[in-house]
PDB file of N, CA and C in Angstrom:
ATOM      1  N   MET A   1     -37.870  18.857-172.526  1.00  0.00           N
ATOM      2  CA  MET A   1     -38.927  18.209-173.273  1.00  0.00           C
ATOM      3  C   MET A   1     -39.337  16.919-172.579  1.00  0.00           C
ATOM      4  N   ILE A   2     -40.590  16.579-172.702  1.00  0.00           N
ATOM      5  CA  ILE A   2     -41.141  15.354-172.125  1.00  0.00           C
ATOM      6  C   ILE A   2     -41.619  14.461-173.265  1.00  0.00           C
ATOM      7  N   THR A   3     -41.325  13.172-173.150  1.00  0.00           N
ATOM      8  CA  THR A   3     -41.734  12.193-174.147  1.00  0.00           C
ATOM      9  C   THR A   3     -42.903  11.389-173.593  1.00  0.00           C
ATOM     10  N   ILE A   4     -43.859  11.065-174.458  1.00  0.00           N
ATOM     11  CA  ILE A   4     -45.021  10.260-174.058  1.00  0.00           C
ATOM     12  C   ILE A   4     -44.979   8.944-174.824  1.00  0.00           C
ATOM     13  N   SER A   5     -44.991   7.840-174.083  1.00  0.00           N
ATOM     14  CA  SER A   5     -44.987   6.520-174.721  1.00  0.00           C
ATOM     15  C   SER A   5     -46.339   6.267-175.387  1.00  0.00           C
ATOM     16  N   ASP A   6     -46.368   5.278-176.258  1.00  0.00           N
ATOM     17  CA  ASP A   6     -47.618   4.933-176.943  1.00  0.00           C
ATOM     18  C   ASP A   6     -48.698   4.487-175.944  1.00  0.00           C
ATOM     19  N   LYS A   7     -48.309   3.690-174.948  1.00  0.00           N
ATOM     20  CA  LYS A   7     -49.272   3.219-173.945  1.00  0.00           C
ATOM     21  C   LYS A   7     -49.837   4.382-173.132  1.00  0.00           C
ATOM     22  N   ALA A   8     -48.965   5.322-172.753  1.00  0.00           N
ATOM     23  CA  ALA A   8     -49.420   6.485-171.996  1.00  0.00           C
ATOM     24  C   ALA A   8     -50.357   7.332-172.844  1.00  0.00           C
ATOM     25  N   ARG A   9     -50.031   7.509-174.114  1.00  0.00           N
ATOM     26  CA  ARG A   9     -50.880   8.288-175.020  1.00  0.00           C
ATOM     27  C   ARG A   9     -52.276   7.687-175.094  1.00  0.00           C
ATOM     28  N   GLU A  10     -52.349   6.367-175.279  1.00  0.00           N
ATOM     29  CA  GLU A  10     -53.645   5.675-175.328  1.00  0.00           C
ATOM     30  C   GLU A  10     -54.466   5.963-174.076  1.00  0.00           C
ATOM     31  N   GLN A  11     -53.842   5.798-172.924  1.00  0.00           N
ATOM     32  CA  GLN A  11     -54.549   5.993-171.660  1.00  0.00           C
ATOM     33  C   GLN A  11     -54.953   7.448-171.447  1.00  0.00           C
ATOM     34  N   LEU A  12     -54.101   8.378-171.852  1.00  0.00           N
ATOM     35  CA  LEU A  12     -54.428   9.799-171.712  1.00  0.00           C
ATOM     36  C   LEU A  12     -55.635  10.176-172.553  1.00  0.00           C
ATOM     37  N   LEU A  13     -55.722   9.654-173.766  1.00  0.00           N
ATOM     38  CA  LEU A  13     -56.868   9.943-174.625  1.00  0.00           C
ATOM     39  C   LEU A  13     -58.151   9.366-174.046  1.00  0.00           C
ATOM     40  N   VAL A  14     -58.074   8.155-173.505  1.00  0.00           N
ATOM     41  CA  VAL A  14     -59.238   7.532-172.869  1.00  0.00           C
ATOM     42  C   VAL A  14     -59.651   8.342-171.644  1.00  0.00           C
ATOM     43  N   LEU A  15     -58.688   8.706-170.827  1.00  0.00           N
ATOM     44  CA  LEU A  15     -58.965   9.455-169.607  1.00  0.00           C
ATOM     45  C   LEU A  15     -59.553  10.835-169.903  1.00  0.00           C
ATOM     46  N   ARG A  16     -59.008  11.514-170.888  1.00  0.00           N
ATOM     47  CA  ARG A  16     -59.529  12.836-171.248  1.00  0.00           C
ATOM     48  C   ARG A  16     -60.995  12.731-171.667  1.00  0.00           C
ATOM     49  N   SER A  17     -61.322  11.705-172.430  1.00  0.00           N
ATOM     50  CA  SER A  17     -62.694  11.489-172.870  1.00  0.00           C
ATOM     51  C   SER A  17     -63.608  11.130-171.697  1.00  0.00           C
ATOM     52  N   LYS A  18     -63.152  10.199-170.842  1.00  0.00           N
ATOM     53  CA  LYS A  18     -63.955   9.769-169.686  1.00  0.00           C
ATOM     54  C   LYS A  18     -64.257  10.925-168.736  1.00  0.00           C
ATOM     55  N   GLU A  19     -63.274  11.808-168.564  1.00  0.00           N
ATOM     56  CA  GLU A  19     -63.454  12.937-167.651  1.00  0.00           C
ATOM     57  C   GLU A  19     -64.218  14.087-168.298  1.00  0.00           C
ATOM     58  N   GLY A  20     -64.533  13.956-169.578  1.00  0.00           N
ATOM     59  CA  GLY A  20     -65.336  14.957-170.261  1.00  0.00           C
ATOM     60  C   GLY A  20     -64.590  16.216-170.687  1.00  0.00           C
ATOM     61  N   HIS A  21     -63.284  16.121-170.794  1.00  0.00           N
ATOM     62  CA  HIS A  21     -62.495  17.270-171.252  1.00  0.00           C
ATOM     63  C   HIS A  21     -62.569  17.360-172.779  1.00  0.00           C
ATOM     64  N   PRO A  22     -62.694  18.556-173.324  1.00  0.00           N
ATOM     65  CA  PRO A  22     -62.689  18.680-174.785  1.00  0.00           C
ATOM     66  C   PRO A  22     -61.292  18.397-175.349  1.00  0.00           C
ATOM     67  N   GLU A  23     -61.236  18.110-176.638  1.00  0.00           N
ATOM     68  CA  GLU A  23     -59.956  17.802-177.277  1.00  0.00           C
ATOM     69  C   GLU A  23     -59.004  18.989-177.267  1.00  0.00           C
ATOM     70  N   THR A  24     -59.527  20.186-177.008  1.00  0.00           N
ATOM     71  CA  THR A  24     -58.670  21.373-176.944  1.00  0.00           C
ATOM     72  C   THR A  24     -57.894  21.446-175.639  1.00  0.00           C
ATOM     73  N   HIS A  25     -58.261  20.624-174.653  1.00  0.00           N
ATOM     74  CA  HIS A  25     -57.513  20.591-173.397  1.00  0.00           C
ATOM     75  C   HIS A  25     -56.268  19.746-173.580  1.00  0.00           C
ATOM     76  N   ASN A  26     -55.158  20.287-173.118  1.00  0.00           N
ATOM     77  CA  ASN A  26     -53.870  19.626-173.254  1.00  0.00           C
ATOM     78  C   ASN A  26     -53.434  19.037-171.923  1.00  0.00           C
ATOM     79  N   LEU A  27     -52.433  18.183-171.972  1.00  0.00           N
ATOM     80  CA  LEU A  27     -51.886  17.576-170.768  1.00  0.00           C
ATOM     81  C   LEU A  27     -50.994  18.584-170.050  1.00  0.00           C
ATOM     82  N   ARG A  28     -51.283  18.827-168.776  1.00  0.00           N
ATOM     83  CA  ARG A  28     -50.416  19.681-167.958  1.00  0.00           C
ATOM     84  C   ARG A  28     -49.657  18.779-167.003  1.00  0.00           C
ATOM     85  N   VAL A  29     -48.317  18.901-167.041  1.00  0.00           N
ATOM     86  CA  VAL A  29     -47.439  18.140-166.156  1.00  0.00           C
ATOM     87  C   VAL A  29     -46.693  19.138-165.294  1.00  0.00           C
ATOM     88  N   SER A  30     -46.695  18.894-163.990  1.00  0.00           N
ATOM     89  CA  SER A  30     -45.976  19.806-163.101  1.00  0.00           C
ATOM     90  C   SER A  30     -45.349  19.037-161.950  1.00  0.00           C
ATOM     91  N   VAL A  31     -44.510  19.739-161.223  1.00  0.00           N
ATOM     92  CA  VAL A  31     -43.847  19.188-160.045  1.00  0.00           C
ATOM     93  C   VAL A  31     -44.239  20.060-158.865  1.00  0.00           C
ATOM     94  N   LYS A  32     -44.637  19.410-157.769  1.00  0.00           N
ATOM     95  CA  LYS A  32     -45.023  20.124-156.554  1.00  0.00           C
ATOM     96  C   LYS A  32     -44.264  19.547-155.367  1.00  0.00           C
ATOM     97  N   GLY A  33     -44.109  20.352-154.350  1.00  0.00           N
ATOM     98  CA  GLY A  33     -43.476  19.870-153.133  1.00  0.00           C
ATOM     99  C   GLY A  33     -44.382  18.878-152.426  1.00  0.00           C
ATOM    100  N   GLY A  34     -43.771  17.845-151.831  1.00  0.00           N
ATOM    101  CA  GLY A  34     -44.553  16.867-151.077  1.00  0.00           C
ATOM    102  C   GLY A  34     -44.062  15.463-151.334  1.00  0.00           C
ATOM    103  N   GLY A  35     -44.786  14.511-150.806  1.00  0.00           N
ATOM    104  CA  GLY A  35     -44.409  13.114-150.965  1.00  0.00           C
ATOM    105  C   GLY A  35     -43.263  12.743-150.048  1.00  0.00           C
ATOM    106  N   CYS A  36     -42.960  11.475-149.965  1.00  0.00           N
ATOM    107  CA  CYS A  36     -41.928  11.015-149.043  1.00  0.00           C
ATOM    108  C   CYS A  36     -40.515  11.317-149.533  1.00  0.00           C
ATOM    109  N   SER A  37     -40.349  11.696-150.805  1.00  0.00           N
ATOM    110  CA  SER A  37     -39.019  12.037-151.302  1.00  0.00           C
ATOM    111  C   SER A  37     -38.825  13.533-151.509  1.00  0.00           C
ATOM    112  N   GLY A  38     -39.856  14.320-151.268  1.00  0.00           N
ATOM    113  CA  GLY A  38     -39.721  15.774-151.347  1.00  0.00           C
ATOM    114  C   GLY A  38     -40.436  16.454-152.492  1.00  0.00           C
ATOM    115  N   LEU A  39     -40.552  15.791-153.639  1.00  0.00           N
ATOM    116  CA  LEU A  39     -41.225  16.362-154.806  1.00  0.00           C
ATOM    117  C   LEU A  39     -42.202  15.336-155.370  1.00  0.00           C
ATOM    118  N   MET A  40     -43.308  15.841-155.908  1.00  0.00           N
ATOM    119  CA  MET A  40     -44.322  14.955-156.483  1.00  0.00           C
ATOM    120  C   MET A  40     -44.693  15.414-157.889  1.00  0.00           C
ATOM    121  N   TYR A  41     -45.023  14.453-158.726  1.00  0.00           N
ATOM    122  CA  TYR A  41     -45.519  14.746-160.073  1.00  0.00           C
ATOM    123  C   TYR A  41     -47.013  15.037-159.994  1.00  0.00           C
ATOM    124  N   ASP A  42     -47.484  15.897-160.893  1.00  0.00           N
ATOM    125  CA  ASP A  42     -48.907  16.205-160.962  1.00  0.00           C
ATOM    126  C   ASP A  42     -49.309  16.213-162.432  1.00  0.00           C
ATOM    127  N   LEU A  43     -50.369  15.483-162.756  1.00  0.00           N
ATOM    128  CA  LEU A  43     -50.896  15.400-164.117  1.00  0.00           C
ATOM    129  C   LEU A  43     -52.330  15.899-164.137  1.00  0.00           C
ATOM    130  N   GLY A  44     -52.700  16.563-165.198  1.00  0.00           N
ATOM    131  CA  GLY A  44     -54.078  16.990-165.362  1.00  0.00           C
ATOM    132  C   GLY A  44     -54.291  17.508-166.770  1.00  0.00           C
ATOM    133  N   PHE A  45     -55.530  17.841-167.083  1.00  0.00           N
ATOM    134  CA  PHE A  45     -55.850  18.421-168.379  1.00  0.00           C
ATOM    135  C   PHE A  45     -56.199  19.878-168.176  1.00  0.00           C
ATOM    136  N   ASP A  46     -55.756  20.717-169.104  1.00  0.00           N
ATOM    137  CA  ASP A  46     -55.921  22.155-168.934  1.00  0.00           C
ATOM    138  C   ASP A  46     -56.116  22.808-170.296  1.00  0.00           C
ATOM    139  N   GLY A  47     -57.025  23.744-170.356  1.00  0.00           N
ATOM    140  CA  GLY A  47     -57.279  24.477-171.586  1.00  0.00           C
ATOM    141  C   GLY A  47     -56.703  25.873-171.568  1.00  0.00           C
ATOM    142  N   GLU A  48     -56.032  26.237-170.471  1.00  0.00           N
ATOM    143  CA  GLU A  48     -55.481  27.581-170.318  1.00  0.00           C
ATOM    144  C   GLU A  48     -53.955  27.550-170.366  1.00  0.00           C
ATOM    145  N   LEU A  49     -53.381  28.607-170.890  1.00  0.00           N
ATOM    146  CA  LEU A  49     -51.929  28.781-170.874  1.00  0.00           C
ATOM    147  C   LEU A  49     -51.591  29.997-170.041  1.00  0.00           C
ATOM    148  N   ASN A  50     -50.555  29.893-169.234  1.00  0.00           N
ATOM    149  CA  ASN A  50     -50.052  31.012-168.449  1.00  0.00           C
ATOM    150  C   ASN A  50     -48.787  31.543-169.105  1.00  0.00           C
ATOM    151  N   GLU A  51     -48.397  32.753-168.760  1.00  0.00           N
ATOM    152  CA  GLU A  51     -47.205  33.333-169.383  1.00  0.00           C
ATOM    153  C   GLU A  51     -45.930  32.577-169.029  1.00  0.00           C
ATOM    154  N   ARG A  52     -45.952  31.816-167.959  1.00  0.00           N
ATOM    155  CA  ARG A  52     -44.763  31.048-167.547  1.00  0.00           C
ATOM    156  C   ARG A  52     -44.774  29.610-168.045  1.00  0.00           C
ATOM    157  N   ASP A  53     -45.680  29.298-168.948  1.00  0.00           N
ATOM    158  CA  ASP A  53     -45.790  27.938-169.476  1.00  0.00           C
ATOM    159  C   ASP A  53     -44.956  27.740-170.730  1.00  0.00           C
ATOM    160  N   GLU A  54     -44.451  26.537-170.868  1.00  0.00           N
ATOM    161  CA  GLU A  54     -43.813  26.080-172.095  1.00  0.00           C
ATOM    162  C   GLU A  54     -44.726  25.005-172.669  1.00  0.00           C
ATOM    163  N   VAL A  55     -44.853  24.944-173.982  1.00  0.00           N
ATOM    164  CA  VAL A  55     -45.700  23.952-174.633  1.00  0.00           C
ATOM    165  C   VAL A  55     -44.842  23.108-175.563  1.00  0.00           C
ATOM    166  N   PHE A  56     -44.976  21.789-175.429  1.00  0.00           N
ATOM    167  CA  PHE A  56     -44.266  20.834-176.258  1.00  0.00           C
ATOM    168  C   PHE A  56     -45.294  19.928-176.906  1.00  0.00           C
ATOM    169  N   GLU A  57     -44.881  19.231-177.931  1.00  0.00           N
ATOM    170  CA  GLU A  57     -45.755  18.239-178.533  1.00  0.00           C
ATOM    171  C   GLU A  57     -44.964  16.954-178.732  1.00  0.00           C
ATOM    172  N   ASP A  58     -45.561  15.842-178.319  1.00  0.00           N
ATOM    173  CA  ASP A  58     -44.952  14.538-178.535  1.00  0.00           C
ATOM    174  C   ASP A  58     -46.051  13.510-178.726  1.00  0.00           C
ATOM    175  N   ASN A  59     -45.858  12.632-179.667  1.00  0.00           N
ATOM    176  CA  ASN A  59     -46.779  11.532-179.922  1.00  0.00           C
ATOM    177  C   ASN A  59     -48.210  12.037-180.146  1.00  0.00           C
ATOM    178  N   GLY A  60     -48.329  13.202-180.769  1.00  0.00           N
ATOM    179  CA  GLY A  60     -49.640  13.747-181.104  1.00  0.00           C
ATOM    180  C   GLY A  60     -50.354  14.470-179.984  1.00  0.00           C
ATOM    181  N   LEU A  61     -49.709  14.637-178.836  1.00  0.00           N
ATOM    182  CA  LEU A  61     -50.328  15.345-177.712  1.00  0.00           C
ATOM    183  C   LEU A  61     -49.511  16.579-177.345  1.00  0.00           C
ATOM    184  N   LYS A  62     -50.203  17.656-177.007  1.00  0.00           N
ATOM    185  CA  LYS A  62     -49.533  18.849-176.516  1.00  0.00           C
ATOM    186  C   LYS A  62     -49.379  18.740-175.007  1.00  0.00           C
ATOM    187  N   ILE A  63     -48.211  19.129-174.541  1.00  0.00           N
ATOM    188  CA  ILE A  63     -47.875  19.040-173.118  1.00  0.00           C
ATOM    189  C   ILE A  63     -47.535  20.435-172.628  1.00  0.00           C
ATOM    190  N   ILE A  64     -48.192  20.857-171.547  1.00  0.00           N
ATOM    191  CA  ILE A  64     -47.944  22.163-170.940  1.00  0.00           C
ATOM    192  C   ILE A  64     -47.130  21.936-169.670  1.00  0.00           C
ATOM    193  N   VAL A  65     -46.035  22.673-169.536  1.00  0.00           N
ATOM    194  CA  VAL A  65     -45.189  22.575-168.341  1.00  0.00           C
ATOM    195  C   VAL A  65     -44.792  23.986-167.932  1.00  0.00           C
ATOM    196  N   ASP A  66     -44.977  24.321-166.657  1.00  0.00           N
ATOM    197  CA  ASP A  66     -44.505  25.625-166.195  1.00  0.00           C
ATOM    198  C   ASP A  66     -42.980  25.595-166.123  1.00  0.00           C
ATOM    199  N   LYS A  67     -42.370  26.756-166.273  1.00  0.00           N
ATOM    200  CA  LYS A  67     -40.904  26.830-166.378  1.00  0.00           C
ATOM    201  C   LYS A  67     -40.191  26.276-165.157  1.00  0.00           C
ATOM    202  N   LYS A  68     -40.757  26.458-163.970  1.00  0.00           N
ATOM    203  CA  LYS A  68     -40.122  25.936-162.755  1.00  0.00           C
ATOM    204  C   LYS A  68     -40.109  24.400-162.771  1.00  0.00           C
ATOM    205  N   SER A  69     -41.231  23.799-163.140  1.00  0.00           N
ATOM    206  CA  SER A  69     -41.313  22.335-163.193  1.00  0.00           C
ATOM    207  C   SER A  69     -40.418  21.763-164.276  1.00  0.00           C
ATOM    208  N   LEU A  70     -40.261  22.518-165.362  1.00  0.00           N
ATOM    209  CA  LEU A  70     -39.454  22.046-166.481  1.00  0.00           C
ATOM    210  C   LEU A  70     -38.021  21.744-166.064  1.00  0.00           C
ATOM    211  N   LEU A  71     -37.502  22.502-165.103  1.00  0.00           N
ATOM    212  CA  LEU A  71     -36.143  22.248-164.609  1.00  0.00           C
ATOM    213  C   LEU A  71     -35.991  20.820-164.086  1.00  0.00           C
ATOM    214  N   TYR A  72     -37.056  20.279-163.499  1.00  0.00           N
ATOM    215  CA  TYR A  72     -37.018  18.929-162.939  1.00  0.00           C
ATOM    216  C   TYR A  72     -37.412  17.850-163.947  1.00  0.00           C
ATOM    217  N   LEU A  73     -38.072  18.257-165.039  1.00  0.00           N
ATOM    218  CA  LEU A  73     -38.678  17.283-165.942  1.00  0.00           C
ATOM    219  C   LEU A  73     -37.980  17.104-167.287  1.00  0.00           C
ATOM    220  N   VAL A  74     -36.959  17.881-167.573  1.00  0.00           N
ATOM    221  CA  VAL A  74     -36.280  17.782-168.874  1.00  0.00           C
ATOM    222  C   VAL A  74     -35.790  16.344-169.091  1.00  0.00           C
ATOM    223  N   GLY A  75     -36.163  15.770-170.223  1.00  0.00           N
ATOM    224  CA  GLY A  75     -35.724  14.419-170.562  1.00  0.00           C
ATOM    225  C   GLY A  75     -36.592  13.306-169.999  1.00  0.00           C
ATOM    226  N   THR A  76     -37.671  13.650-169.317  1.00  0.00           N
ATOM    227  CA  THR A  76     -38.543  12.656-168.695  1.00  0.00           C
ATOM    228  C   THR A  76     -39.441  11.985-169.728  1.00  0.00           C
ATOM    229  N   THR A  77     -39.701  10.702-169.534  1.00  0.00           N
ATOM    230  CA  THR A  77     -40.655   9.952-170.345  1.00  0.00           C
ATOM    231  C   THR A  77     -41.845   9.585-169.475  1.00  0.00           C
ATOM    232  N   LEU A  78     -43.047   9.873-169.972  1.00  0.00           N
ATOM    233  CA  LEU A  78     -44.270   9.468-169.296  1.00  0.00           C
ATOM    234  C   LEU A  78     -44.719   8.158-169.913  1.00  0.00           C
ATOM    235  N   ASP A  79     -44.842   7.133-169.081  1.00  0.00           N
ATOM    236  CA  ASP A  79     -45.232   5.809-169.544  1.00  0.00           C
ATOM    237  C   ASP A  79     -46.467   5.371-168.773  1.00  0.00           C
ATOM    238  N   PHE A  80     -47.048   4.247-169.178  1.00  0.00           N
ATOM    239  CA  PHE A  80     -48.197   3.682-168.478  1.00  0.00           C
ATOM    240  C   PHE A  80     -47.975   2.199-168.316  1.00  0.00           C
ATOM    241  N   SER A  81     -48.210   1.711-167.111  1.00  0.00           N
ATOM    242  CA  SER A  81     -48.047   0.296-166.818  1.00  0.00           C
ATOM    243  C   SER A  81     -49.376  -0.279-166.350  1.00  0.00           C
ATOM    244  N   ASP A  82     -49.706  -1.445-166.852  1.00  0.00           N
ATOM    245  CA  ASP A  82     -50.916  -2.128-166.371  1.00  0.00           C
ATOM    246  C   ASP A  82     -50.588  -3.567-166.013  1.00  0.00           C
ATOM    247  N   GLY A  83     -49.400  -3.737-165.459  1.00  0.00           N
ATOM    248  CA  GLY A  83     -48.911  -5.075-165.112  1.00  0.00           C
ATOM    249  C   GLY A  83     -49.310  -5.516-163.720  1.00  0.00           C
ATOM    250  N   LEU A  84     -48.727  -6.595-163.282  1.00  0.00           N
ATOM    251  CA  LEU A  84     -49.045  -7.178-161.978  1.00  0.00           C
ATOM    252  C   LEU A  84     -48.611  -6.291-160.812  1.00  0.00           C
ATOM    253  N   ASN A  85     -47.606  -5.454-161.018  1.00  0.00           N
ATOM    254  CA  ASN A  85     -47.110  -4.590-159.945  1.00  0.00           C
ATOM    255  C   ASN A  85     -47.933  -3.331-159.771  1.00  0.00           C
ATOM    256  N   GLY A  86     -49.008  -3.195-160.508  1.00  0.00           N
ATOM    257  CA  GLY A  86     -49.851  -2.021-160.369  1.00  0.00           C
ATOM    258  C   GLY A  86     -50.165  -1.400-161.716  1.00  0.00           C
ATOM    259  N   LYS A  87     -51.162  -0.538-161.674  1.00  0.00           N
ATOM    260  CA  LYS A  87     -51.628   0.107-162.892  1.00  0.00           C
ATOM    261  C   LYS A  87     -51.532   1.603-162.704  1.00  0.00           C
ATOM    262  N   GLY A  88     -50.946   2.287-163.669  1.00  0.00           N
ATOM    263  CA  GLY A  88     -50.905   3.733-163.585  1.00  0.00           C
ATOM    264  C   GLY A  88     -49.792   4.332-164.410  1.00  0.00           C
ATOM    265  N   PHE A  89     -49.750   5.660-164.384  1.00  0.00           N
ATOM    266  CA  PHE A  89     -48.734   6.388-165.113  1.00  0.00           C
ATOM    267  C   PHE A  89     -47.420   6.337-164.344  1.00  0.00           C
ATOM    268  N   GLN A  90     -46.330   6.236-165.092  1.00  0.00           N
ATOM    269  CA  GLN A  90     -44.997   6.190-164.498  1.00  0.00           C
ATOM    270  C   GLN A  90     -44.125   7.239-165.165  1.00  0.00           C
ATOM    271  N   PHE A  91     -43.340   7.923-164.361  1.00  0.00           N
ATOM    272  CA  PHE A  91     -42.392   8.911-164.861  1.00  0.00           C
ATOM    273  C   PHE A  91     -40.998   8.303-164.838  1.00  0.00           C
ATOM    274  N   VAL A  92     -40.362   8.278-165.982  1.00  0.00           N
ATOM    275  CA  VAL A  92     -38.976   7.827-166.075  1.00  0.00           C
ATOM    276  C   VAL A  92     -38.158   9.105-166.201  1.00  0.00           C
ATOM    277  N   ASN A  93     -37.625   9.545-165.062  1.00  0.00           N
ATOM    278  CA  ASN A  93     -36.991  10.854-164.969  1.00  0.00           C
ATOM    279  C   ASN A  93     -35.486  10.702-164.745  1.00  0.00           C
ATOM    280  N   PRO A  94     -34.674  11.076-165.738  1.00  0.00           N
ATOM    281  CA  PRO A  94     -33.220  10.943-165.578  1.00  0.00           C
ATOM    282  C   PRO A  94     -32.634  11.931-164.562  1.00  0.00           C
ATOM    283  N   ASN A  95     -33.403  12.926-164.152  1.00  0.00           N
ATOM    284  CA  ASN A  95     -32.931  13.920-163.192  1.00  0.00           C
ATOM    285  C   ASN A  95     -33.128  13.480-161.741  1.00  0.00           C
ATOM    286  N   ALA A  96     -33.966  12.483-161.523  1.00  0.00           N
ATOM    287  CA  ALA A  96     -34.266  12.033-160.165  1.00  0.00           C
ATOM    288  C   ALA A  96     -33.094  11.229-159.603  1.00  0.00           C
ATOM    289  N   THR A  97     -32.631  11.631-158.427  1.00  0.00           N
ATOM    290  CA  THR A  97     -31.555  10.895-157.774  1.00  0.00           C
ATOM    291  C   THR A  97     -32.105   9.850-156.819  1.00  0.00           C
ATOM    292  N   ARG A  98     -33.355  10.035-156.407  1.00  0.00           N
ATOM    293  CA  ARG A  98     -34.007   9.081-155.500  1.00  0.00           C
ATOM    294  C   ARG A  98     -35.495   9.108-155.785  1.00  0.00           C
ATOM    295  N   THR A  99     -36.129   7.937-155.789  1.00  0.00           N
ATOM    296  CA  THR A  99     -37.572   7.863-155.977  1.00  0.00           C
ATOM    297  C   THR A  99     -38.185   7.063-154.851  1.00  0.00           C
ATOM    298  N   CYS A 100     -39.443   7.296-154.649  1.00  0.00           N
ATOM    299  CA  CYS A 100     -40.192   6.598-153.608  1.00  0.00           C
ATOM    300  C   CYS A 100     -40.696   5.258-154.173  1.00  0.00           C
ATOM    301  N   GLY A 101     -41.001   4.341-153.314  1.00  0.00           N
ATOM    302  CA  GLY A 101     -41.540   3.052-153.736  1.00  0.00           C
ATOM    303  C   GLY A 101     -42.850   3.167-154.483  1.00  0.00           C
ATOM    304  N   CYS A 102     -43.634   4.202-154.190  1.00  0.00           N
ATOM    305  CA  CYS A 102     -44.920   4.394-154.870  1.00  0.00           C
ATOM    306  C   CYS A 102     -44.722   4.946-156.273  1.00  0.00           C
ATOM    307  N   GLY A 103     -43.547   5.492-156.575  1.00  0.00           N
ATOM    308  CA  GLY A 103     -43.270   6.032-157.890  1.00  0.00           C
ATOM    309  C   GLY A 103     -43.839   7.409-158.150  1.00  0.00           C
ATOM    310  N   GLU A 104     -44.469   7.998-157.129  1.00  0.00           N
ATOM    311  CA  GLU A 104     -45.107   9.301-157.313  1.00  0.00           C
ATOM    312  C   GLU A 104     -44.277  10.454-156.761  1.00  0.00           C
ATOM    313  N   SER A 105     -43.224  10.143-156.029  1.00  0.00           N
ATOM    314  CA  SER A 105     -42.400  11.222-155.509  1.00  0.00           C
ATOM    315  C   SER A 105     -40.926  10.934-155.801  1.00  0.00           C
ATOM    316  N   PHE A 106     -40.137  12.014-155.811  1.00  0.00           N
ATOM    317  CA  PHE A 106     -38.726  11.888-156.161  1.00  0.00           C
ATOM    318  C   PHE A 106     -37.954  13.044-155.550  1.00  0.00           C
ATOM    319  N   SER A 107     -36.645  12.967-155.652  1.00  0.00           N
ATOM    320  CA  SER A 107     -35.788  14.090-155.252  1.00  0.00           C
ATOM    321  C   SER A 107     -34.673  14.204-156.280  1.00  0.00           C
ATOM    322  N   VAL A 108     -34.060  15.390-156.319  1.00  0.00           N
ATOM    323  CA  VAL A 108     -32.954  15.629-157.255  1.00  0.00           C
ATOM    324  C   VAL A 108     -31.724  16.056-156.495  1.00  0.00           C
TER     325      VAL A 108
END
């Protein structure tokens, strides 16, 4: 399961509206190969479900995760930071053994 902080929820709702996605589109979170640590997070909005998808709900938002990505994301919190060190979504992943300085890639 993935948890969404209040700040991340606010930003996701704003972003979904700005990008013109309907409210029926849910947040899709996945893990892909790449980045300086080997794996990268991927966020987007999606209105389709695949047979290999799991759907969760947290903080009023539905989250779609494919089963392969779920292995890397169990227990992760999606947060949003707009502080002096940068602005953007942050993944707090207890499964990551190493993360990159950019915060977008990790390894397990």
